[in-house]
Amino acid sequence: MTGVAVPYWRLSGFYLFYFALLGATAPFLAPWFAYLGFAPARIGELVAIPMVMRCIAPHLWGWLGDRSGHRLRIVRLGAAATLLGFSLVLVSQSYAWLALVMALHAFFWHAVLPQFEVITLAHLRQQPTRYGQVRLWGSVGFIAAVILLGRWFELRGMGSYPVTVMIIMAGILLASSWVPAPAREADETSAPPPGDGFLARLRQPGVITFYLCVGLMQLSHGPYYTFFSIHLAQLGYSAVAIGLCWALGVVAEVLMFLAMARLLARWSVNTVLAVSFALAAVRWLLLGALAGELWVLLFAQVLHAATFGSFHAAAVQKVRVTFGLRYQGQGQALYAALAGVGGALGAVYSGYAWQAIGPFGTFALSSIAAVAAAVMIVLFTHKEPV
């Protein structure tokens, strides 16, 4: 990363800890609920609650960040409140109390990432396509978490889960204190031109379709983030093997982030999104039908390079170009919110579908959602240059 004005390692350190937390929750939160004795439907509901908060909280924080410009304060407040809110899990582990804790800590957790994405893009304003080179450290944090925690929980059991998560949350708070605030420039602080505004930009051709596709993509991930670890355990894979499978997907994601600057220089954002959706449809069918075959499972995990890596990097660029720095906080918040809506619906439906129609039927529904997103992005945004 060139230029002294870009605090590369400080930005990267934050992503490292933030996505280490995701590495502690995505593979292990549902198994922890199962360890506590909850049925699949209750697990799906509890996993869905943070996703529901992701639908609500980012709008408030995004509007506040755009209006005040104090995004870094919001990030630090959100990190501190996330840690304090989750610590309440030590008080009780009943269903009702855990539902409350999931909602409370997630309300602040989802204040953090959309605002930090804006901070990162502001620091990288002269080289936005290099976003992936900063963001890849989040993937490294995720990999480290799933590998190390897989072994840790195998040795110590899932009873140590709450304290482990709280340690990582403390790391997020410390990392946020190390990041400098970017300078605000004229495109953020000057008066907007007549007729300009967040809603005006949202009504531009293809933008609403893009956000609907974001929701469908996250809907399709519902069974993966809720039951993937449980699915593999039922197929006979060990906790270490399951952690390595999660890690393989994120290694593929890291390599994709490294390649994204070149890909986006050659292909449009909409083309990258369409291919990502199509490959997601293939991936979910493979996981539902053939995950017991090791080589198929490994190939399906490599496809995480598309279903998250290229999808997320392209989506962030889409939001950046559409909303600019002036409305970036609200644009990123809406991206997070639509992802939250899709993720919450995906977690809930997968909890009930898992019992009713089994793994294959559940993942097949995910594949249909991804196909729908691919069709929509091709039909309704194919004339758009972005």
Protein backbone atom coordinates (compact mmCIF):
# COMPACT_ATOMS: atom_id res chain seq x y z
CA MET A 1 0.00 0.00 0.00
CA THR A 2 1.54 3.28 -1.04
CA GLY A 3 1.27 6.69 0.57
CA VAL A 4 1.83 7.60 4.21
CA ALA A 5 -1.75 8.84 4.46
CA VAL A 6 -3.08 5.27 4.27
CA PRO A 7 -2.86 3.55 7.70
CA TYR A 8 -2.80 0.11 6.09
CA TRP A 9 -1.89 -1.99 9.13
CA ARG A 10 -4.22 -0.12 11.47
CA LEU A 11 -7.15 -0.66 9.15
CA SER A 12 -6.11 -4.26 8.57
CA GLY A 13 -5.81 -4.93 12.30
CA PHE A 14 -9.40 -3.92 12.86
CA TYR A 15 -10.63 -6.27 10.12
CA LEU A 16 -8.47 -9.03 11.61
CA PHE A 17 -10.26 -8.90 14.97
CA TYR A 18 -13.71 -8.10 13.60
CA PHE A 19 -13.79 -11.15 11.36
CA ALA A 20 -12.12 -13.32 13.97
CA LEU A 21 -15.36 -12.70 15.87
CA LEU A 22 -17.33 -13.86 12.85
CA GLY A 23 -15.05 -16.90 12.77
CA ALA A 24 -16.06 -17.57 16.37
CA THR A 25 -19.78 -17.18 15.70
CA ALA A 26 -20.52 -18.46 12.18
CA PRO A 27 -19.16 -22.00 12.72
CA PHE A 28 -19.62 -22.29 16.50
CA LEU A 29 -22.63 -20.28 17.66
CA ALA A 30 -25.19 -22.85 16.50
CA PRO A 31 -23.18 -25.78 17.96
CA TRP A 32 -22.99 -23.86 21.25
CA PHE A 33 -26.78 -23.52 21.26
CA ALA A 34 -26.99 -27.24 20.48
CA TYR A 35 -24.59 -27.89 23.40
CA LEU A 36 -27.03 -25.98 25.62
CA GLY A 37 -29.78 -28.37 24.51
CA PHE A 38 -31.89 -26.29 22.12
CA ALA A 39 -33.84 -27.92 19.28
CA PRO A 40 -33.02 -27.03 15.63
CA ALA A 41 -35.97 -24.64 15.30
CA ARG A 42 -34.91 -22.74 18.44
CA ILE A 43 -31.32 -22.65 17.18
CA GLY A 44 -32.47 -21.15 13.90
CA GLU A 45 -34.45 -18.50 15.77
CA LEU A 46 -31.57 -17.55 18.04
CA VAL A 47 -29.12 -17.35 15.13
CA ALA A 48 -31.63 -15.23 13.23
CA ILE A 49 -31.97 -12.58 15.96
CA PRO A 50 -28.62 -10.86 15.28
CA MET A 51 -29.50 -10.90 11.59
CA VAL A 52 -32.82 -9.19 12.35
CA MET A 53 -30.93 -6.50 14.26
CA ARG A 54 -28.71 -6.14 11.22
CA CYS A 55 -31.87 -5.13 9.35
CA ILE A 56 -32.66 -2.36 11.84
CA ALA A 57 -29.55 -0.98 13.51
CA PRO A 58 -27.40 0.01 10.50
CA HIS A 59 -29.95 2.58 9.29
CA LEU A 60 -29.77 4.56 12.53
CA TRP A 61 -25.99 4.41 12.73
CA GLY A 62 -25.57 5.09 9.00
CA TRP A 63 -27.76 8.19 9.14
CA LEU A 64 -25.96 9.38 12.28
CA GLY A 65 -22.55 8.80 10.69
CA ASP A 66 -23.42 10.69 7.49
CA ARG A 67 -24.95 13.56 9.42
CA SER A 68 -22.29 13.95 12.12
CA GLY A 69 -19.19 12.73 10.30
CA HIS A 70 -18.03 11.11 13.56
CA ARG A 71 -17.90 7.59 12.18
CA LEU A 72 -14.92 6.47 14.24
CA ARG A 73 -16.67 7.45 17.48
CA ILE A 74 -19.63 5.33 16.41
CA VAL A 75 -17.32 2.39 15.69
CA ARG A 76 -15.67 2.64 19.11
CA LEU A 77 -18.99 3.04 20.91
CA GLY A 78 -20.40 0.07 19.02
CA ALA A 79 -17.37 -2.10 19.86
CA ALA A 80 -17.57 -1.28 23.57
CA ALA A 81 -21.34 -1.82 23.77
CA THR A 82 -21.05 -5.10 21.86
CA LEU A 83 -18.67 -6.47 24.48
CA LEU A 84 -20.78 -5.25 27.40
CA GLY A 85 -24.01 -6.52 25.85
CA PHE A 86 -22.68 -9.99 25.09
CA SER A 87 -21.17 -10.32 28.58
CA LEU A 88 -24.75 -10.61 29.87
CA VAL A 89 -24.76 -14.16 28.50
CA LEU A 90 -22.93 -15.11 31.70
CA VAL A 91 -26.01 -14.18 33.77
CA SER A 92 -28.38 -16.78 32.32
CA GLN A 93 -28.59 -19.22 29.41
CA SER A 94 -32.34 -19.62 29.14
CA TYR A 95 -33.93 -19.21 25.72
CA ALA A 96 -35.60 -15.89 26.55
CA TRP A 97 -32.46 -14.39 28.11
CA LEU A 98 -30.24 -15.51 25.25
CA ALA A 99 -32.71 -14.03 22.77
CA LEU A 100 -32.45 -10.70 24.61
CA VAL A 101 -28.64 -10.85 24.68
CA MET A 102 -28.48 -11.72 20.98
CA ALA A 103 -30.64 -8.69 20.17
CA LEU A 104 -28.83 -6.27 22.49
CA HIS A 105 -25.25 -6.99 21.50
CA ALA A 106 -26.13 -7.24 17.81
CA PHE A 107 -27.77 -3.80 17.81
CA PHE A 108 -24.35 -2.32 18.54
CA TRP A 109 -22.27 -4.91 16.66
CA HIS A 110 -24.00 -3.97 13.43
CA ALA A 111 -23.19 -0.31 14.04
CA VAL A 112 -19.54 -1.13 13.56
CA LEU A 113 -18.78 -2.67 10.17
CA PRO A 114 -20.79 -0.42 7.78
CA GLN A 115 -19.24 2.68 9.34
CA PHE A 116 -15.77 1.16 9.28
CA GLU A 117 -16.17 0.30 5.59
CA VAL A 118 -16.76 4.01 4.94
CA ILE A 119 -13.68 4.90 7.00
CA THR A 120 -11.58 2.44 5.01
CA LEU A 121 -12.83 3.70 1.64
CA ALA A 122 -12.20 7.28 2.75
CA HIS A 123 -8.59 6.41 3.54
CA LEU A 124 -8.34 4.63 0.17
CA ARG A 125 -10.13 7.28 -1.86
CA GLN A 126 -7.31 7.47 -4.43
CA GLN A 127 -7.07 3.69 -4.83
CA PRO A 128 -10.50 2.18 -4.03
CA THR A 129 -9.98 -1.07 -5.94
CA ARG A 130 -7.27 -1.98 -3.41
CA TYR A 131 -9.94 -2.35 -0.76
CA GLY A 132 -9.52 -6.12 -1.03
CA GLN A 133 -5.89 -5.91 0.07
CA VAL A 134 -7.03 -4.37 3.37
CA ARG A 135 -10.14 -6.50 3.76
CA LEU A 136 -8.25 -9.76 3.24
CA TRP A 137 -6.86 -9.44 6.80
CA GLY A 138 -10.40 -9.94 8.01
CA SER A 139 -10.34 -13.25 6.18
CA VAL A 140 -7.02 -14.10 7.84
CA GLY A 141 -8.63 -13.40 11.23
CA PHE A 142 -11.55 -15.64 10.32
CA ILE A 143 -9.23 -18.45 9.26
CA ALA A 144 -7.18 -18.21 12.44
CA ALA A 145 -10.32 -18.25 14.56
CA VAL A 146 -11.97 -21.26 12.95
CA ILE A 147 -8.79 -23.34 13.02
CA LEU A 148 -7.66 -22.46 16.53
CA LEU A 149 -11.11 -22.46 18.07
CA GLY A 150 -12.01 -25.76 16.43
CA ARG A 151 -9.08 -27.33 18.23
CA TRP A 152 -9.76 -25.36 21.44
CA PHE A 153 -13.40 -26.47 21.68
CA GLU A 154 -12.45 -30.02 20.85
CA LEU A 155 -10.06 -30.01 23.82
CA ARG A 156 -11.99 -27.82 26.27
CA GLY A 157 -15.59 -28.28 25.19
CA MET A 158 -18.20 -25.71 24.21
CA GLY A 159 -18.62 -24.51 27.79
CA SER A 160 -15.72 -22.11 27.23
CA TYR A 161 -17.46 -20.46 24.27
CA PRO A 162 -18.81 -17.26 25.94
CA VAL A 163 -15.49 -16.14 27.47
CA THR A 164 -13.64 -16.93 24.25
CA VAL A 165 -15.99 -14.68 22.28
CA MET A 166 -15.65 -11.88 24.81
CA ILE A 167 -11.85 -11.92 24.48
CA ILE A 168 -12.15 -11.42 20.72
CA MET A 169 -14.68 -8.60 21.23
CA ALA A 170 -12.15 -6.88 23.49
CA GLY A 171 -9.66 -7.14 20.63
CA ILE A 172 -12.08 -5.31 18.32
CA LEU A 173 -12.39 -2.50 20.84
CA LEU A 174 -8.61 -2.17 21.22
CA ALA A 175 -8.07 -2.24 17.44
CA SER A 176 -10.65 0.52 16.91
CA SER A 177 -8.73 2.78 19.30
CA TRP A 178 -5.66 2.48 17.04
CA VAL A 179 -7.34 3.62 13.83
CA PRO A 180 -7.14 7.34 12.88
CA ALA A 181 -10.15 9.22 11.54
CA PRO A 182 -9.88 10.12 7.83
CA ALA A 183 -10.00 13.76 6.76
CA ARG A 184 -13.41 14.94 5.56
CA GLU A 185 -13.24 16.50 2.10
CA ALA A 186 -15.46 18.81 0.08
CA ASP A 187 -17.53 16.00 -1.42
CA GLU A 188 -18.77 15.23 2.11
CA THR A 189 -19.02 18.68 3.69
CA SER A 190 -20.20 20.96 0.84
CA ALA A 191 -23.89 21.57 0.11
CA PRO A 192 -25.36 18.86 -2.12
CA PRO A 193 -26.54 19.83 -5.61
CA PRO A 194 -30.30 20.38 -6.11
CA GLY A 195 -32.24 17.15 -6.37
CA ASP A 196 -29.41 15.08 -4.93
CA GLY A 197 -29.92 12.90 -1.89
CA PHE A 198 -29.77 9.34 -0.62
CA LEU A 199 -33.25 8.49 -1.92
CA ALA A 200 -32.53 10.08 -5.30
CA ARG A 201 -29.47 7.89 -5.71
CA LEU A 202 -31.37 4.85 -4.48
CA ARG A 203 -33.90 5.40 -7.29
CA GLN A 204 -31.20 5.27 -9.97
CA PRO A 205 -31.72 2.40 -12.46
CA GLY A 206 -30.64 -0.98 -11.17
CA VAL A 207 -29.86 0.12 -7.60
CA ILE A 208 -32.97 -1.34 -5.93
CA THR A 209 -32.54 -4.53 -7.95
CA PHE A 210 -28.97 -4.77 -6.68
CA TYR A 211 -30.13 -4.50 -3.07
CA LEU A 212 -32.82 -7.14 -3.58
CA CYS A 213 -30.15 -9.44 -4.99
CA VAL A 214 -28.03 -8.80 -1.89
CA GLY A 215 -30.94 -9.98 0.22
CA LEU A 216 -31.41 -13.10 -1.89
CA MET A 217 -27.71 -13.94 -1.72
CA GLN A 218 -27.73 -13.75 2.07
CA LEU A 219 -30.99 -15.72 2.19
CA SER A 220 -29.22 -18.46 0.27
CA HIS A 221 -26.45 -18.51 2.89
CA GLY A 222 -28.92 -19.24 5.74
CA PRO A 223 -28.39 -23.01 5.93
CA TYR A 224 -24.63 -22.60 5.49
CA TYR A 225 -24.13 -20.21 8.39
CA THR A 226 -26.65 -21.99 10.63
CA PHE A 227 -26.21 -25.71 9.98
CA PHE A 228 -23.02 -26.28 7.99
CA SER A 229 -21.01 -27.37 11.05
CA ILE A 230 -23.86 -29.52 12.33
CA HIS A 231 -24.34 -31.03 8.84
CA LEU A 232 -20.68 -32.03 8.58
CA ALA A 233 -20.67 -33.43 12.12
CA GLN A 234 -23.67 -35.60 11.25
CA LEU A 235 -21.74 -36.84 8.20
CA GLY A 236 -18.90 -37.96 10.48
CA TYR A 237 -16.37 -35.14 10.14
CA SER A 238 -14.36 -34.20 13.24
CA ALA A 239 -14.39 -30.74 14.83
CA VAL A 240 -10.88 -30.08 13.48
CA ALA A 241 -11.90 -31.17 9.98
CA ILE A 242 -14.95 -28.91 10.14
CA GLY A 243 -12.79 -25.98 11.20
CA LEU A 244 -10.40 -26.69 8.33
CA CYS A 245 -13.33 -26.73 5.89
CA TRP A 246 -14.39 -23.29 7.09
CA ALA A 247 -10.78 -22.15 6.79
CA LEU A 248 -10.43 -23.49 3.25
CA GLY A 249 -13.37 -21.39 2.15
CA VAL A 250 -11.81 -18.29 3.61
CA VAL A 251 -8.39 -19.04 2.08
CA ALA A 252 -10.15 -19.07 -1.28
CA GLU A 253 -11.81 -15.79 -0.30
CA VAL A 254 -8.42 -14.22 0.53
CA LEU A 255 -7.00 -15.20 -2.85
CA MET A 256 -10.05 -13.71 -4.52
CA PHE A 257 -9.62 -10.43 -2.62
CA LEU A 258 -6.03 -10.26 -3.88
CA ALA A 259 -7.27 -10.69 -7.45
CA MET A 260 -10.25 -8.32 -7.27
CA ALA A 261 -8.42 -5.18 -8.43
CA ARG A 262 -7.52 -6.95 -11.68
CA LEU A 263 -10.96 -8.53 -12.08
CA LEU A 264 -12.80 -5.24 -11.60
CA ALA A 265 -10.44 -3.58 -14.07
CA ARG A 266 -11.53 -6.10 -16.71
CA TRP A 267 -15.14 -6.93 -15.85
CA SER A 268 -18.06 -4.78 -14.71
CA VAL A 269 -19.36 -5.04 -11.17
CA ASN A 270 -22.68 -6.42 -12.44
CA THR A 271 -20.91 -9.18 -14.39
CA VAL A 272 -18.91 -10.20 -11.33
CA LEU A 273 -22.09 -10.24 -9.24
CA ALA A 274 -23.97 -12.40 -11.78
CA VAL A 275 -21.19 -14.99 -11.90
CA SER A 276 -20.98 -14.99 -8.09
CA PHE A 277 -24.72 -15.72 -7.80
CA ALA A 278 -24.54 -18.52 -10.37
CA LEU A 279 -21.65 -20.22 -8.59
CA ALA A 280 -23.50 -19.90 -5.28
CA ALA A 281 -26.37 -21.91 -6.77
CA VAL A 282 -23.93 -24.68 -7.70
CA ARG A 283 -22.26 -24.60 -4.31
CA TRP A 284 -25.44 -25.07 -2.29
CA LEU A 285 -26.52 -28.06 -4.39
CA LEU A 286 -23.15 -29.71 -3.86
CA LEU A 287 -23.26 -29.16 -0.10
CA GLY A 288 -26.79 -30.48 0.16
CA ALA A 289 -26.31 -33.57 -1.97
CA LEU A 290 -22.66 -34.62 -1.89
CA ALA A 291 -20.92 -33.13 1.16
CA GLY A 292 -20.14 -36.66 2.35
CA GLU A 293 -17.68 -36.95 -0.55
CA LEU A 294 -14.52 -35.19 0.59
CA TRP A 295 -13.43 -33.94 -2.84
CA VAL A 296 -16.89 -32.47 -3.50
CA LEU A 297 -16.89 -30.78 -0.08
CA LEU A 298 -13.46 -29.25 -0.75
CA PHE A 299 -14.52 -27.99 -4.18
CA ALA A 300 -17.69 -26.50 -2.72
CA GLN A 301 -15.65 -24.67 -0.09
CA VAL A 302 -13.30 -23.28 -2.75
CA LEU A 303 -16.41 -21.73 -4.33
CA HIS A 304 -16.56 -19.46 -1.28
CA ALA A 305 -14.17 -17.32 -3.33
CA ALA A 306 -17.20 -16.40 -5.42
CA THR A 307 -20.12 -16.68 -3.04
CA PHE A 308 -18.53 -14.29 -0.58
CA GLY A 309 -15.19 -12.98 -1.89
CA SER A 310 -16.04 -11.62 -5.32
CA PHE A 311 -19.64 -10.91 -4.33
CA HIS A 312 -18.71 -8.75 -1.33
CA ALA A 313 -15.86 -6.87 -3.01
CA ALA A 314 -18.03 -6.09 -6.04
CA ALA A 315 -20.98 -5.08 -3.86
CA VAL A 316 -18.86 -2.66 -1.81
CA GLN A 317 -17.65 -1.04 -5.03
CA LYS A 318 -21.24 -0.82 -6.29
CA VAL A 319 -22.28 1.03 -3.12
CA ARG A 320 -19.22 3.30 -3.28
CA VAL A 321 -19.85 4.37 -6.87
CA THR A 322 -23.61 4.76 -6.38
CA PHE A 323 -23.62 6.85 -3.20
CA GLY A 324 -20.21 8.53 -3.04
CA LEU A 325 -18.72 9.62 0.28
CA ARG A 326 -21.61 11.98 1.06
CA TYR A 327 -24.17 9.17 1.44
CA GLN A 328 -21.78 6.26 1.86
CA GLY A 329 -22.79 5.56 5.46
CA GLN A 330 -26.45 5.11 4.54
CA GLY A 331 -25.55 3.14 1.42
CA GLN A 332 -23.36 0.72 3.36
CA ALA A 333 -25.99 0.55 6.10
CA LEU A 334 -28.66 -0.43 3.59
CA TYR A 335 -26.30 -3.06 2.18
CA ALA A 336 -25.83 -4.45 5.69
CA ALA A 337 -29.56 -4.24 6.41
CA LEU A 338 -30.64 -6.08 3.26
CA ALA A 339 -27.98 -8.68 3.97
CA GLY A 340 -29.44 -8.91 7.48
CA VAL A 341 -32.99 -9.37 6.21
CA GLY A 342 -31.87 -12.13 3.89
CA GLY A 343 -29.68 -13.75 6.51
CA ALA A 344 -32.41 -13.68 9.15
CA LEU A 345 -34.98 -15.21 6.82
CA GLY A 346 -32.41 -17.76 5.74
CA ALA A 347 -31.62 -18.77 9.32
CA VAL A 348 -35.30 -19.07 10.27
CA TYR A 349 -36.40 -21.02 7.20
CA SER A 350 -33.37 -23.32 7.44
CA GLY A 351 -34.25 -24.16 11.07
CA TYR A 352 -37.71 -25.35 10.09
CA ALA A 353 -36.73 -26.80 6.69
CA TRP A 354 -33.90 -28.82 8.24
CA GLN A 355 -36.44 -30.75 10.30
CA ALA A 356 -39.06 -30.99 7.57
CA ILE A 357 -37.16 -31.73 4.34
CA GLY A 358 -33.61 -32.45 5.44
CA PRO A 359 -30.23 -31.04 4.34
CA PHE A 360 -30.67 -31.56 0.59
CA GLY A 361 -34.07 -29.91 0.41
CA THR A 362 -32.89 -27.01 2.58
CA PHE A 363 -29.80 -26.34 0.46
CA ALA A 364 -31.86 -26.76 -2.72
CA LEU A 365 -34.03 -23.83 -1.62
CA SER A 366 -30.83 -21.84 -1.15
CA SER A 367 -29.79 -22.69 -4.69
CA ILE A 368 -33.11 -21.43 -6.03
CA ALA A 369 -32.62 -18.11 -4.22
CA ALA A 370 -29.15 -17.70 -5.75
CA VAL A 371 -30.48 -18.49 -9.23
CA ALA A 372 -33.18 -15.84 -8.75
CA ALA A 373 -30.51 -13.27 -7.86
CA ALA A 374 -28.46 -14.17 -10.95
CA VAL A 375 -31.49 -13.80 -13.22
CA MET A 376 -32.47 -10.45 -11.70
CA ILE A 377 -29.00 -8.93 -11.95
CA VAL A 378 -28.76 -9.96 -15.61
CA LEU A 379 -32.26 -8.88 -16.64
CA PHE A 380 -32.52 -5.59 -14.78
CA THR A 381 -28.97 -4.23 -14.64
CA HIS A 382 -27.40 -5.53 -17.86
CA LYS A 383 -27.38 -2.06 -19.43
CA GLU A 384 -25.75 -0.42 -16.44
CA PRO A 385 -22.01 0.39 -16.83
CA VAL A 386 -21.17 -0.17 -13.14
